[in-house]
């Protein structure tokens, strides 16, 4: 967030500097009030550009094996341009390299799911996915497993067979 602030300030300085240079070259034919207008416009443009670039920039930093299964697009009335082109301010990714199976519990996989959001640290959620039963559960403190490794008291949530997380873990959409 600090670097975004610094980049925005420098964009404002650059916008103001360009108008000041233009005023010098054109011998003051450009009005003085254009300088703060250009600075403000450059700062707004830098902020908008930063919002739209966050998702692609974050994807490039993900390690190999991470697969995005859901995105959250943002539209706001105070940002009317987002109704034309929404920007992504969050997404969910599965760490494919973390998927673990247990032969004693067929179809159930243990894996790490990551939730990314703009201006927040990524959250890691250990999860269970039941490919046969089309359901998932978060592994929380206090969950118990039997002697074979099957979850006893998991809070399972039914998901549709075409769920993106289920498809990412189990292969193609389960039918």
C-alpha atoms as a PDB file:
ATOM      1  CA  UNK A   1       0.000   0.000   0.000  1.00  0.00           C
ATOM      2  CA  UNK A   2       2.899   2.326   0.755  1.00  0.00           C
ATOM      3  CA  UNK A   3       4.423   1.798  -2.695  1.00  0.00           C
ATOM      4  CA  UNK A   4       1.054   2.484  -4.323  1.00  0.00           C
ATOM      5  CA  UNK A   5       0.887   5.779  -2.447  1.00  0.00           C
ATOM      6  CA  UNK A   6       4.402   6.711  -3.560  1.00  0.00           C
ATOM      7  CA  UNK A   7       3.620   5.737  -7.178  1.00  0.00           C
ATOM      8  CA  UNK A   8       0.452   7.838  -7.087  1.00  0.00           C
ATOM      9  CA  UNK A   9       2.348  10.859  -5.763  1.00  0.00           C
ATOM     10  CA  UNK A  10       4.992  10.496  -8.471  1.00  0.00           C
ATOM     11  CA  UNK A  11       2.263  10.212 -11.112  1.00  0.00           C
ATOM     12  CA  UNK A  12       0.840  13.503  -9.850  1.00  0.00           C
ATOM     13  CA  UNK A  13       4.257  15.135 -10.008  1.00  0.00           C
ATOM     14  CA  UNK A  14       4.764  13.807 -13.534  1.00  0.00           C
ATOM     15  CA  UNK A  15       1.360  15.094 -14.661  1.00  0.00           C
ATOM     16  CA  UNK A  16       2.028  18.526 -13.190  1.00  0.00           C
ATOM     17  CA  UNK A  17       5.544  18.561 -14.622  1.00  0.00           C
ATOM     18  CA  UNK A  18       4.289  17.792 -18.120  1.00  0.00           C
ATOM     19  CA  UNK A  19       1.854  20.712 -18.016  1.00  0.00           C
ATOM     20  CA  UNK A  20       4.535  23.011 -16.623  1.00  0.00           C
ATOM     21  CA  UNK A  21       6.859  21.967 -19.448  1.00  0.00           C
ATOM     22  CA  UNK A  22       4.065  22.516 -21.949  1.00  0.00           C
ATOM     23  CA  UNK A  23       3.452  25.986 -20.488  1.00  0.00           C
ATOM     24  CA  UNK A  24       7.137  26.813 -20.904  1.00  0.00           C
ATOM     25  CA  UNK A  25       7.310  25.521 -24.485  1.00  0.00           C
ATOM     26  CA  UNK A  26       4.088  27.286 -25.505  1.00  0.00           C
ATOM     27  CA  UNK A  27       5.049  30.497 -23.676  1.00  0.00           C
ATOM     28  CA  UNK A  28       2.201  30.426 -21.122  1.00  0.00           C
ATOM     29  CA  UNK A  29      -0.596  29.731 -23.613  1.00  0.00           C
ATOM     30  CA  UNK A  30      -1.741  26.909 -21.334  1.00  0.00           C
ATOM     31  CA  UNK A  31      -3.604  28.267 -18.279  1.00  0.00           C
ATOM     32  CA  UNK A  32      -2.025  27.901 -14.827  1.00  0.00           C
ATOM     33  CA  UNK A  33      -5.029  25.996 -13.490  1.00  0.00           C
ATOM     34  CA  UNK A  34      -4.206  23.127 -15.880  1.00  0.00           C
ATOM     35  CA  UNK A  35      -1.244  22.142 -13.678  1.00  0.00           C
ATOM     36  CA  UNK A  36      -3.229  20.882 -10.635  1.00  0.00           C
ATOM     37  CA  UNK A  37      -5.882  19.412 -12.952  1.00  0.00           C
ATOM     38  CA  UNK A  38      -3.201  17.387 -14.757  1.00  0.00           C
ATOM     39  CA  UNK A  39      -1.685  16.307 -11.435  1.00  0.00           C
ATOM     40  CA  UNK A  40      -5.057  15.116 -10.142  1.00  0.00           C
ATOM     41  CA  UNK A  41      -5.924  13.354 -13.399  1.00  0.00           C
ATOM     42  CA  UNK A  42      -2.552  11.578 -13.411  1.00  0.00           C
ATOM     43  CA  UNK A  43      -3.050  10.458  -9.805  1.00  0.00           C
ATOM     44  CA  UNK A  44      -6.534   9.129 -10.555  1.00  0.00           C
ATOM     45  CA  UNK A  45      -5.248   7.332 -13.661  1.00  0.00           C
ATOM     46  CA  UNK A  46      -2.392   5.773 -11.661  1.00  0.00           C
ATOM     47  CA  UNK A  47      -4.801   4.579  -8.973  1.00  0.00           C
ATOM     48  CA  UNK A  48      -7.196   3.068 -11.513  1.00  0.00           C
ATOM     49  CA  UNK A  49      -4.305   1.415 -13.323  1.00  0.00           C
ATOM     50  CA  UNK A  50      -3.054  -0.036 -10.056  1.00  0.00           C
ATOM     51  CA  UNK A  51      -6.479  -1.499  -9.240  1.00  0.00           C
ATOM     52  CA  UNK A  52      -6.785  -3.161 -12.642  1.00  0.00           C
ATOM     53  CA  UNK A  53      -3.171  -4.438 -12.649  1.00  0.00           C
ATOM     54  CA  UNK A  54      -3.349  -6.088  -9.194  1.00  0.00           C
ATOM     55  CA  UNK A  55      -4.871  -9.393 -10.335  1.00  0.00           C
ATOM     56  CA  UNK A  56      -2.476 -10.008 -13.231  1.00  0.00           C
ATOM     57  CA  UNK A  57       0.491  -8.946 -11.123  1.00  0.00           C
ATOM     58  CA  UNK A  58      -0.503 -11.270  -8.292  1.00  0.00           C
ATOM     59  CA  UNK A  59      -1.008 -14.195 -10.692  1.00  0.00           C
ATOM     60  CA  UNK A  60       2.543 -13.749 -11.953  1.00  0.00           C
ATOM     61  CA  UNK A  61       3.913 -14.137  -8.422  1.00  0.00           C
ATOM     62  CA  UNK A  62       2.093 -17.399  -7.685  1.00  0.00           C
ATOM     63  CA  UNK A  63       4.305 -20.479  -7.503  1.00  0.00           C
ATOM     64  CA  UNK A  64       3.935 -23.332  -9.965  1.00  0.00           C
ATOM     65  CA  UNK A  65       1.070 -25.645  -9.088  1.00  0.00           C
ATOM     66  CA  UNK A  66      -1.376 -22.930  -8.051  1.00  0.00           C
ATOM     67  CA  UNK A  67      -4.660 -23.007  -9.975  1.00  0.00           C
ATOM     68  CA  UNK A  68      -7.228 -20.214  -9.767  1.00  0.00           C
ATOM     69  CA  UNK A  69     -10.712 -21.657  -9.198  1.00  0.00           C
ATOM     70  CA  UNK A  70     -12.739 -18.490  -8.583  1.00  0.00           C
ATOM     71  CA  UNK A  71     -12.427 -14.740  -9.028  1.00  0.00           C
ATOM     72  CA  UNK A  72     -14.321 -11.857  -7.475  1.00  0.00           C
ATOM     73  CA  UNK A  73     -15.018  -8.921  -9.750  1.00  0.00           C
ATOM     74  CA  UNK A  74     -15.825  -5.532  -8.291  1.00  0.00           C
ATOM     75  CA  UNK A  75     -18.277  -2.920  -9.512  1.00  0.00           C
ATOM     76  CA  UNK A  76     -19.018   0.226  -7.509  1.00  0.00           C
ATOM     77  CA  UNK A  77     -21.277   3.201  -8.080  1.00  0.00           C
ATOM     78  CA  UNK A  78     -18.473   5.585  -7.095  1.00  0.00           C
ATOM     79  CA  UNK A  79     -16.349   3.990  -9.827  1.00  0.00           C
ATOM     80  CA  UNK A  80     -18.758   4.150 -12.768  1.00  0.00           C
ATOM     81  CA  UNK A  81     -16.172   2.807 -15.243  1.00  0.00           C
ATOM     82  CA  UNK A  82     -16.285  -0.533 -13.389  1.00  0.00           C
ATOM     83  CA  UNK A  83     -19.770  -1.145 -14.766  1.00  0.00           C
ATOM     84  CA  UNK A  84     -18.200  -1.176 -18.232  1.00  0.00           C
ATOM     85  CA  UNK A  85     -15.034  -3.088 -17.264  1.00  0.00           C
ATOM     86  CA  UNK A  86     -15.150  -4.619 -13.755  1.00  0.00           C
ATOM     87  CA  UNK A  87     -11.823  -5.248 -12.043  1.00  0.00           C
ATOM     88  CA  UNK A  88     -10.823  -8.331 -10.070  1.00  0.00           C
ATOM     89  CA  UNK A  89     -10.177  -7.589  -6.407  1.00  0.00           C
ATOM     90  CA  UNK A  90      -9.983 -11.144  -5.091  1.00  0.00           C
ATOM     91  CA  UNK A  91      -9.597 -14.761  -6.084  1.00  0.00           C
ATOM     92  CA  UNK A  92      -9.364 -18.291  -4.724  1.00  0.00           C
ATOM     93  CA  UNK A  93      -6.548 -20.625  -5.747  1.00  0.00           C
ATOM     94  CA  UNK A  94      -5.800 -24.286  -5.077  1.00  0.00           C
ATOM     95  CA  UNK A  95      -2.250 -25.436  -4.418  1.00  0.00           C
ATOM     96  CA  UNK A  96      -2.144 -28.567  -6.586  1.00  0.00           C
ATOM     97  CA  UNK A  97       1.221 -29.544  -5.102  1.00  0.00           C
ATOM     98  CA  UNK A  98      -0.386 -29.777  -1.649  1.00  0.00           C
ATOM     99  CA  UNK A  99      -3.087 -32.309  -2.622  1.00  0.00           C
ATOM    100  CA  UNK A 100      -2.793 -35.423  -0.460  1.00  0.00           C
ATOM    101  CA  UNK A 101      -4.756 -38.655  -0.730  1.00  0.00           C
ATOM    102  CA  UNK A 102      -5.299 -41.567   1.619  1.00  0.00           C
ATOM    103  CA  UNK A 103      -5.851 -45.027   0.121  1.00  0.00           C
ATOM    104  CA  UNK A 104      -7.982 -45.953   3.149  1.00  0.00           C
ATOM    105  CA  UNK A 105     -10.403 -43.102   2.341  1.00  0.00           C
ATOM    106  CA  UNK A 106     -11.002 -43.205  -1.424  1.00  0.00           C
ATOM    107  CA  UNK A 107     -12.082 -40.024  -3.158  1.00  0.00           C
ATOM    108  CA  UNK A 108     -11.218 -37.707  -0.253  1.00  0.00           C
ATOM    109  CA  UNK A 109      -8.331 -35.288  -0.777  1.00  0.00           C
ATOM    110  CA  UNK A 110      -6.609 -32.978   1.702  1.00  0.00           C
ATOM    111  CA  UNK A 111      -5.283 -29.745   0.176  1.00  0.00           C
ATOM    112  CA  UNK A 112      -4.536 -26.083   0.758  1.00  0.00           C
ATOM    113  CA  UNK A 113      -6.898 -23.448  -0.600  1.00  0.00           C
ATOM    114  CA  UNK A 114      -5.707 -19.840  -0.687  1.00  0.00           C
ATOM    115  CA  UNK A 115      -7.937 -16.769  -0.635  1.00  0.00           C
ATOM    116  CA  UNK A 116      -6.346 -13.621  -2.073  1.00  0.00           C
ATOM    117  CA  UNK A 117      -7.882 -10.158  -1.711  1.00  0.00           C
ATOM    118  CA  UNK A 118      -6.674  -6.687  -2.621  1.00  0.00           C
ATOM    119  CA  UNK A 119      -5.128  -4.902   0.395  1.00  0.00           C
ATOM    120  CA  UNK A 120      -5.150  -8.077   2.517  1.00  0.00           C
ATOM    121  CA  UNK A 121      -2.702 -10.865   3.195  1.00  0.00           C
ATOM    122  CA  UNK A 122      -3.454 -14.198   1.555  1.00  0.00           C
ATOM    123  CA  UNK A 123      -5.331 -16.661   3.743  1.00  0.00           C
ATOM    124  CA  UNK A 124      -4.481 -20.371   3.689  1.00  0.00           C
ATOM    125  CA  UNK A 125      -7.375 -22.734   4.376  1.00  0.00           C
ATOM    126  CA  UNK A 126      -6.631 -26.452   4.724  1.00  0.00           C
ATOM    127  CA  UNK A 127      -9.595 -28.228   3.141  1.00  0.00           C
ATOM    128  CA  UNK A 128     -11.009 -31.650   2.425  1.00  0.00           C
ATOM    129  CA  UNK A 129     -12.647 -32.417  -0.913  1.00  0.00           C
ATOM    130  CA  UNK A 130     -14.793 -35.524  -1.364  1.00  0.00           C
ATOM    131  CA  UNK A 131     -14.804 -36.269  -5.094  1.00  0.00           C
ATOM    132  CA  UNK A 132     -17.297 -39.122  -4.775  1.00  0.00           C
ATOM    133  CA  UNK A 133     -19.775 -37.269  -2.560  1.00  0.00           C
ATOM    134  CA  UNK A 134     -19.416 -33.865  -4.294  1.00  0.00           C
ATOM    135  CA  UNK A 135     -18.735 -32.033  -1.048  1.00  0.00           C
ATOM    136  CA  UNK A 136     -16.010 -30.085   0.717  1.00  0.00           C
ATOM    137  CA  UNK A 137     -15.052 -29.161   4.275  1.00  0.00           C
ATOM    138  CA  UNK A 138     -12.561 -26.804   5.858  1.00  0.00           C
ATOM    139  CA  UNK A 139     -10.123 -28.448   8.252  1.00  0.00           C
ATOM    140  CA  UNK A 140     -10.503 -26.441  11.442  1.00  0.00           C
ATOM    141  CA  UNK A 141      -9.129 -26.852  14.939  1.00  0.00           C
ATOM    142  CA  UNK A 142     -10.811 -29.693  16.743  1.00  0.00           C
ATOM    143  CA  UNK A 143     -11.632 -31.829  13.711  1.00  0.00           C
ATOM    144  CA  UNK A 144     -11.081 -35.491  14.483  1.00  0.00           C
ATOM    145  CA  UNK A 145     -10.036 -38.371  12.267  1.00  0.00           C
ATOM    146  CA  UNK A 146     -10.589 -42.091  12.791  1.00  0.00           C
ATOM    147  CA  UNK A 147      -7.782 -44.676  12.798  1.00  0.00           C
ATOM    148  CA  UNK A 148      -7.900 -44.899   8.971  1.00  0.00           C
ATOM    149  CA  UNK A 149      -7.625 -41.130   8.543  1.00  0.00           C
ATOM    150  CA  UNK A 150     -11.265 -40.492   7.622  1.00  0.00           C
ATOM    151  CA  UNK A 151     -12.724 -37.279   9.054  1.00  0.00           C
ATOM    152  CA  UNK A 152     -15.282 -37.979  11.777  1.00  0.00           C
ATOM    153  CA  UNK A 153     -16.855 -34.621  12.523  1.00  0.00           C
ATOM    154  CA  UNK A 154     -16.076 -32.553   9.428  1.00  0.00           C
ATOM    155  CA  UNK A 155     -18.581 -29.836   8.558  1.00  0.00           C
ATOM    156  CA  UNK A 156     -19.241 -30.981   4.988  1.00  0.00           C
ATOM    157  CA  UNK A 157     -20.822 -28.601   2.488  1.00  0.00           C
ATOM    158  CA  UNK A 158     -22.504 -30.006  -0.581  1.00  0.00           C
ATOM    159  CA  UNK A 159     -21.254 -28.514  -3.848  1.00  0.00           C
ATOM    160  CA  UNK A 160     -22.582 -28.849  -7.355  1.00  0.00           C
ATOM    161  CA  UNK A 161     -20.845 -31.402  -9.571  1.00  0.00           C
ATOM    162  CA  UNK A 162     -19.565 -28.588 -11.810  1.00  0.00           C
ATOM    163  CA  UNK A 163     -17.959 -26.697  -8.891  1.00  0.00           C
ATOM    164  CA  UNK A 164     -14.592 -25.230  -9.928  1.00  0.00           C
ATOM    165  CA  UNK A 165     -12.793 -26.375  -6.761  1.00  0.00           C
ATOM    166  CA  UNK A 166     -14.148 -29.899  -7.149  1.00  0.00           C
ATOM    167  CA  UNK A 167     -13.098 -29.953 -10.813  1.00  0.00           C
ATOM    168  CA  UNK A 168      -9.611 -28.648  -9.996  1.00  0.00           C
ATOM    169  CA  UNK A 169      -8.998 -31.314  -7.370  1.00  0.00           C
ATOM    170  CA  UNK A 170     -10.866 -34.275  -8.840  1.00  0.00           C
ATOM    171  CA  UNK A 171     -10.128 -33.700 -12.507  1.00  0.00           C
ATOM    172  CA  UNK A 172     -13.022 -32.943 -14.815  1.00  0.00           C
ATOM    173  CA  UNK A 173     -16.365 -31.943 -13.327  1.00  0.00           C
ATOM    174  CA  UNK A 174     -17.839 -34.810 -11.348  1.00  0.00           C
ATOM    175  CA  UNK A 175     -21.172 -36.112 -12.580  1.00  0.00           C
END
